Amino acid sequence: MRFAHVVPDGVDEPQLVLVEEDRVTVVSRLFDGAPSRLQQLIEGGDALLDRVRQSAPAAEWMPLGTPVFASAVLDTPITIAIGLNYSAHSSELGLKADAAPTVFILWPGSLTGHRQTTSWPRSLSTSVDYEAELGVIVGRPARDVAIENALDHVWGYTVVNDITARDIQFSEAQWSRCKSFDGFTPTGPFVVTADEIPDPQDLHIWAIVDGKMVQDASTDQMIHPVAKLVSFLSQSATLLPGTLISTGSPGGAGYSRDPQIFLRDRSTVTVGVDGIGELTTFCRILD
């Protein structure tokens, strides 16, 4: 199943919709007590998801059209980002990939949606970069989970662009601020349930900036696969339902290119993961 948050005309709050090909239905209209946000659906467990699935055939469907998308994940307990999880990316940044995953947190205000505009002041950064990433959404609480059982705790997957102010990244000891400007974590457009993705390590991942393919890889190149990440993170703290894990970016970052490619005023960047979706962000630099 495929879900999104959209903002209908005349409505202030994003609505959770179920997406089938080129049509959608509003989930909260399926039955009394149906969820209006993805987080509510996840917290409702398998029984609530099954009820949504069973109610869908009789639903009122509308054309997908070109809706206004909000972040694919809202109200997430936390967004955990993984750095240096592809050898090509760690090498191009001149950073060593350690035996254990590199972990940092993204601030809530960085989340935004497909086809939204992300802006930042030129005075803060002139080296803003893109990073295509697979997003993993936790479904059931995960604590001390073995690797072989870790994917049982995954509810679904989405696409993330981990936008990064490189000049700040290399001038500070931690990475949360350089990646957490408002709008620096676009997600979506869709969340795809885990049953739609048999193997998260067999997905094509890519990025296009201003019409040029700049990242083109496979998730099988991850140093720490999804199952290992979920297991590793669960050893020290319980991963709550709705937790978003952004699993790292492959090689091809703009910082390492010759000449370098950074996001400019009016740049358009699209990142994608086959089987999940394509996520586009428009860029504006504020003087």
Protein backbone atom coordinates (compact mmCIF):
# COMPACT_ATOMS: atom_id res chain seq x y z
CA MET A 1 0.00 0.00 0.00
CA ARG A 2 1.09 3.56 -0.71
CA PHE A 3 0.28 6.60 1.44
CA ALA A 4 0.94 10.34 1.32
CA HIS A 5 0.11 13.52 3.19
CA VAL A 6 -1.58 16.11 0.97
CA VAL A 7 -3.06 19.52 1.70
CA PRO A 8 -6.43 19.85 -0.08
CA ASP A 9 -7.70 23.23 -1.25
CA GLY A 10 -9.22 25.19 1.60
CA VAL A 11 -7.77 22.88 4.26
CA ASP A 12 -4.99 23.93 6.62
CA GLU A 13 -3.97 20.52 7.95
CA PRO A 14 -2.40 17.77 5.82
CA GLN A 15 -4.63 14.79 5.19
CA LEU A 16 -3.48 11.18 4.92
CA VAL A 17 -4.43 9.65 1.58
CA LEU A 18 -4.17 6.17 0.19
CA VAL A 19 -2.70 6.18 -3.31
CA GLU A 20 -3.42 3.61 -6.01
CA GLU A 21 -1.77 4.36 -9.35
CA ASP A 22 -3.26 7.74 -10.41
CA ARG A 23 -6.06 7.98 -7.84
CA VAL A 24 -6.36 8.70 -4.12
CA THR A 25 -8.87 8.38 -1.30
CA VAL A 26 -8.84 10.26 2.00
CA VAL A 27 -8.17 7.70 4.73
CA SER A 28 -10.11 9.52 7.47
CA ARG A 29 -13.32 9.11 5.41
CA LEU A 30 -13.05 5.33 5.15
CA PHE A 31 -14.75 4.60 8.50
CA ASP A 32 -15.45 6.18 11.88
CA GLY A 33 -12.22 6.62 13.76
CA ALA A 34 -10.01 6.18 10.70
CA PRO A 35 -6.64 7.95 11.02
CA SER A 36 -5.93 11.33 9.48
CA ARG A 37 -2.14 11.11 9.81
CA LEU A 38 0.38 8.39 9.05
CA GLN A 39 1.64 8.35 12.64
CA GLN A 40 -1.85 7.41 13.86
CA LEU A 41 -2.04 4.64 11.29
CA ILE A 42 1.33 3.23 12.33
CA GLU A 43 0.49 3.39 16.03
CA GLY A 44 -2.76 1.53 15.32
CA GLY A 45 -0.80 -1.56 14.36
CA ASP A 46 -1.63 -4.30 11.88
CA ALA A 47 -5.33 -4.36 12.80
CA LEU A 48 -5.84 -0.75 11.77
CA LEU A 49 -3.84 -1.16 8.57
CA ASP A 50 -5.91 -4.23 7.70
CA ARG A 51 -9.12 -2.29 8.25
CA VAL A 52 -7.91 0.46 5.91
CA ARG A 53 -7.05 -2.18 3.32
CA GLN A 54 -10.45 -3.85 3.61
CA SER A 55 -12.33 -0.54 3.41
CA ALA A 56 -10.50 0.76 0.35
CA PRO A 57 -12.48 -1.04 -2.40
CA ALA A 58 -15.71 0.74 -1.40
CA ALA A 59 -14.06 4.14 -0.94
CA GLU A 60 -14.70 7.34 -2.84
CA TRP A 61 -11.70 7.77 -5.14
CA MET A 62 -10.43 10.93 -6.80
CA PRO A 63 -7.77 11.60 -9.44
CA LEU A 64 -4.33 12.13 -7.92
CA GLY A 65 -3.73 15.19 -10.05
CA THR A 66 -0.99 17.52 -8.77
CA PRO A 67 -1.74 17.92 -5.08
CA VAL A 68 0.21 19.97 -2.55
CA PHE A 69 2.31 17.42 -0.66
CA ALA A 70 3.37 17.73 2.95
CA SER A 71 6.20 15.66 4.39
CA ALA A 72 5.50 11.95 3.94
CA VAL A 73 6.16 11.53 7.67
CA LEU A 74 4.64 13.87 10.25
CA ASP A 75 4.67 13.69 14.04
CA THR A 76 7.55 11.21 13.93
CA PRO A 77 9.05 10.60 17.41
CA ILE A 78 12.52 11.23 15.99
CA THR A 79 14.42 11.32 12.72
CA ILE A 80 17.69 9.41 12.92
CA ALA A 81 20.24 9.92 10.15
CA ILE A 82 23.09 7.61 9.24
CA GLY A 83 26.27 9.07 7.80
CA LEU A 84 29.05 7.52 5.73
CA ASN A 85 27.03 4.39 4.93
CA TYR A 86 28.32 3.98 1.36
CA SER A 87 32.05 3.58 0.78
CA ALA A 88 32.03 5.82 -2.29
CA HIS A 89 30.45 8.68 -0.34
CA SER A 90 32.76 8.44 2.67
CA SER A 91 35.78 8.33 0.36
CA GLU A 92 34.72 11.33 -1.70
CA LEU A 93 34.25 13.40 1.47
CA GLY A 94 37.64 12.33 2.76
CA LEU A 95 36.07 10.79 5.87
CA LYS A 96 36.66 7.35 7.32
CA ALA A 97 33.70 4.99 7.62
CA ASP A 98 33.99 3.43 11.07
CA ALA A 99 33.08 -0.14 11.99
CA ALA A 100 29.96 1.17 13.74
CA PRO A 101 27.40 3.38 11.94
CA THR A 102 27.74 7.15 12.21
CA VAL A 103 24.52 8.40 13.84
CA PHE A 104 23.05 11.90 14.24
CA ILE A 105 19.63 13.46 14.69
CA LEU A 106 17.68 15.74 12.32
CA TRP A 107 15.55 18.50 13.80
CA PRO A 108 11.75 18.35 13.28
CA GLY A 109 11.55 21.66 11.41
CA SER A 110 13.72 20.29 8.61
CA LEU A 111 10.94 18.01 7.35
CA THR A 112 9.12 19.14 4.22
CA GLY A 113 7.29 17.66 1.26
CA HIS A 114 7.55 16.89 -2.43
CA ARG A 115 7.64 19.89 -4.77
CA GLN A 116 8.09 22.30 -1.89
CA THR A 117 10.63 25.15 -1.95
CA THR A 118 13.57 25.03 0.42
CA SER A 119 15.34 28.32 1.07
CA TRP A 120 18.36 29.38 3.09
CA PRO A 121 20.34 32.60 3.62
CA ARG A 122 23.47 33.03 1.54
CA SER A 123 25.11 34.42 4.68
CA LEU A 124 24.79 31.00 6.38
CA SER A 125 25.97 28.74 3.57
CA THR A 126 27.20 28.88 0.00
CA SER A 127 27.90 25.14 -0.22
CA VAL A 128 24.52 23.41 0.03
CA ASP A 129 24.56 19.83 -1.23
CA TYR A 130 22.05 17.08 -2.05
CA GLU A 131 21.99 13.47 -0.78
CA ALA A 132 19.56 10.83 -2.05
CA GLU A 133 18.66 8.40 0.74
CA LEU A 134 16.33 5.52 1.50
CA GLY A 135 14.08 6.31 4.45
CA VAL A 136 13.00 3.50 6.78
CA ILE A 137 9.96 3.87 9.05
CA VAL A 138 9.69 1.78 12.21
CA GLY A 139 6.35 0.06 12.84
CA ARG A 140 6.61 -1.96 16.05
CA PRO A 141 8.72 -0.92 19.05
CA ALA A 142 12.23 -2.26 18.60
CA ARG A 143 14.52 -2.99 21.57
CA ASP A 144 17.50 -5.37 21.49
CA VAL A 145 16.38 -6.70 18.12
CA ALA A 146 18.49 -9.33 16.38
CA ILE A 147 19.55 -8.60 12.81
CA GLU A 148 17.59 -11.56 11.48
CA ASN A 149 14.39 -10.17 13.03
CA ALA A 150 14.97 -6.48 12.40
CA LEU A 151 12.95 -6.11 9.19
CA ASP A 152 9.89 -7.40 11.06
CA HIS A 153 9.91 -4.04 12.85
CA VAL A 154 9.87 -1.97 9.63
CA TRP A 155 6.49 -0.51 8.69
CA GLY A 156 7.47 1.06 5.41
CA TYR A 157 9.88 3.03 3.27
CA THR A 158 10.10 6.50 1.78
CA VAL A 159 12.56 8.72 -0.12
CA VAL A 160 14.67 11.32 1.69
CA ASN A 161 16.86 14.15 0.42
CA ASP A 162 19.39 14.82 3.19
CA ILE A 163 20.28 18.37 2.17
CA THR A 164 23.55 19.50 3.76
CA ALA A 165 25.38 22.79 4.27
CA ARG A 166 28.89 21.43 3.64
CA ASP A 167 30.76 24.52 4.84
CA ILE A 168 29.05 24.22 8.22
CA GLN A 169 29.49 20.44 8.27
CA PHE A 170 33.26 20.76 7.99
CA SER A 171 33.53 23.62 10.47
CA GLU A 172 31.60 22.02 13.36
CA ALA A 173 32.16 18.80 15.29
CA GLN A 174 28.58 17.59 14.94
CA TRP A 175 26.33 17.28 11.88
CA SER A 176 22.80 17.94 13.12
CA ARG A 177 22.73 21.70 12.50
CA CYS A 178 24.23 21.61 9.00
CA LYS A 179 21.52 19.17 7.92
CA SER A 180 18.58 20.60 9.86
CA PHE A 181 17.90 24.02 8.37
CA ASP A 182 14.17 24.49 7.86
CA GLY A 183 13.22 22.41 4.82
CA PHE A 184 16.53 20.54 4.60
CA THR A 185 14.87 17.10 4.96
CA PRO A 186 12.33 16.63 2.18
CA THR A 187 10.57 13.25 2.35
CA GLY A 188 8.12 11.46 0.10
CA PRO A 189 6.05 11.92 -1.88
CA PHE A 190 4.93 8.48 -0.72
CA VAL A 191 5.40 5.96 2.05
CA VAL A 192 5.26 2.40 0.76
CA THR A 193 4.41 -0.39 3.19
CA ALA A 194 7.13 -2.94 3.84
CA ASP A 195 5.30 -5.76 2.05
CA GLU A 196 5.79 -3.83 -1.22
CA ILE A 197 9.60 -3.90 -0.82
CA PRO A 198 10.77 -7.54 -0.55
CA ASP A 199 14.45 -6.57 -0.25
CA PRO A 200 15.50 -3.04 0.80
CA GLN A 201 19.05 -3.88 -0.34
CA ASP A 202 17.97 -4.32 -3.95
CA LEU A 203 16.78 -0.84 -4.89
CA HIS A 204 18.07 1.64 -7.47
CA ILE A 205 18.75 5.04 -5.85
CA TRP A 206 19.57 8.20 -7.77
CA ALA A 207 19.61 12.01 -7.87
CA ILE A 208 19.24 14.59 -10.66
CA VAL A 209 20.25 18.24 -10.20
CA ASP A 210 19.17 20.77 -12.82
CA GLY A 211 18.69 18.01 -15.38
CA LYS A 212 22.00 16.21 -14.72
CA MET A 213 22.21 12.73 -13.20
CA VAL A 214 24.60 13.12 -10.26
CA GLN A 215 23.96 9.98 -8.19
CA ASP A 216 23.24 6.55 -9.62
CA ALA A 217 23.67 3.58 -7.32
CA SER A 218 22.04 0.64 -5.55
CA THR A 219 21.14 0.16 -1.91
CA ASP A 220 23.11 -3.10 -1.99
CA GLN A 221 26.18 -0.86 -1.69
CA MET A 222 25.31 0.12 1.89
CA ILE A 223 28.07 -0.67 4.38
CA HIS A 224 25.44 -1.28 7.08
CA PRO A 225 22.22 -2.73 5.59
CA VAL A 226 18.78 -1.73 6.84
CA ALA A 227 18.43 -4.77 9.11
CA LYS A 228 21.79 -4.08 10.75
CA LEU A 229 20.91 -0.42 11.30
CA VAL A 230 17.61 -1.24 13.00
CA SER A 231 19.32 -3.84 15.17
CA PHE A 232 22.24 -1.56 16.05
CA LEU A 233 20.06 1.41 16.99
CA SER A 234 17.75 -0.78 19.06
CA GLN A 235 20.58 -1.95 21.31
CA SER A 236 20.81 1.34 23.20
CA ALA A 237 17.25 2.68 23.08
CA THR A 238 13.76 1.61 22.06
CA LEU A 239 12.89 2.65 18.52
CA LEU A 240 9.31 3.89 18.75
CA PRO A 241 6.64 3.42 16.06
CA GLY A 242 6.94 6.12 13.42
CA THR A 243 10.68 6.64 13.90
CA LEU A 244 12.29 7.65 10.59
CA ILE A 245 15.77 6.34 9.81
CA SER A 246 17.54 7.99 6.87
CA THR A 247 20.05 5.37 5.81
CA GLY A 248 22.85 7.33 4.15
CA SER A 249 23.77 8.51 0.69
CA PRO A 250 25.72 6.89 -2.14
CA GLY A 251 28.61 8.52 -3.96
CA GLY A 252 28.21 11.48 -6.29
CA ALA A 253 27.81 14.36 -3.84
CA GLY A 254 28.30 17.81 -5.31
CA TYR A 255 31.03 18.67 -2.82
CA SER A 256 33.40 16.08 -4.26
CA ARG A 257 32.88 16.85 -7.94
CA ASP A 258 35.32 18.75 -10.14
CA PRO A 259 33.99 21.31 -10.63
CA GLN A 260 31.83 21.17 -7.53
CA ILE A 261 28.05 21.18 -7.93
CA PHE A 262 26.10 22.93 -5.20
CA LEU A 263 22.42 23.80 -5.11
CA ARG A 264 21.97 27.28 -6.53
CA ASP A 265 19.19 29.82 -6.45
CA ARG A 266 16.34 28.27 -8.50
CA SER A 267 17.99 24.85 -8.68
CA THR A 268 15.70 21.84 -8.94
CA VAL A 269 16.83 18.57 -7.37
CA THR A 270 15.00 15.26 -7.73
CA VAL A 271 16.02 12.20 -5.73
CA GLY A 272 14.42 8.82 -6.17
CA VAL A 273 14.31 5.20 -5.16
CA ASP A 274 12.79 2.79 -7.64
CA GLY A 275 9.61 1.19 -6.35
CA ILE A 276 9.01 4.02 -3.87
CA GLY A 277 8.97 7.33 -5.73
CA GLU A 278 10.62 10.51 -6.95
CA LEU A 279 11.02 13.50 -4.61
CA THR A 280 11.56 16.98 -6.07
CA THR A 281 12.74 20.10 -4.23
CA PHE A 282 12.95 23.66 -5.54
CA CYS A 283 15.74 25.84 -4.12
CA ARG A 284 15.91 29.53 -3.31
CA ILE A 285 18.84 31.41 -1.80
CA LEU A 286 18.00 34.46 0.28
CA ASP A 287 20.30 37.50 0.12
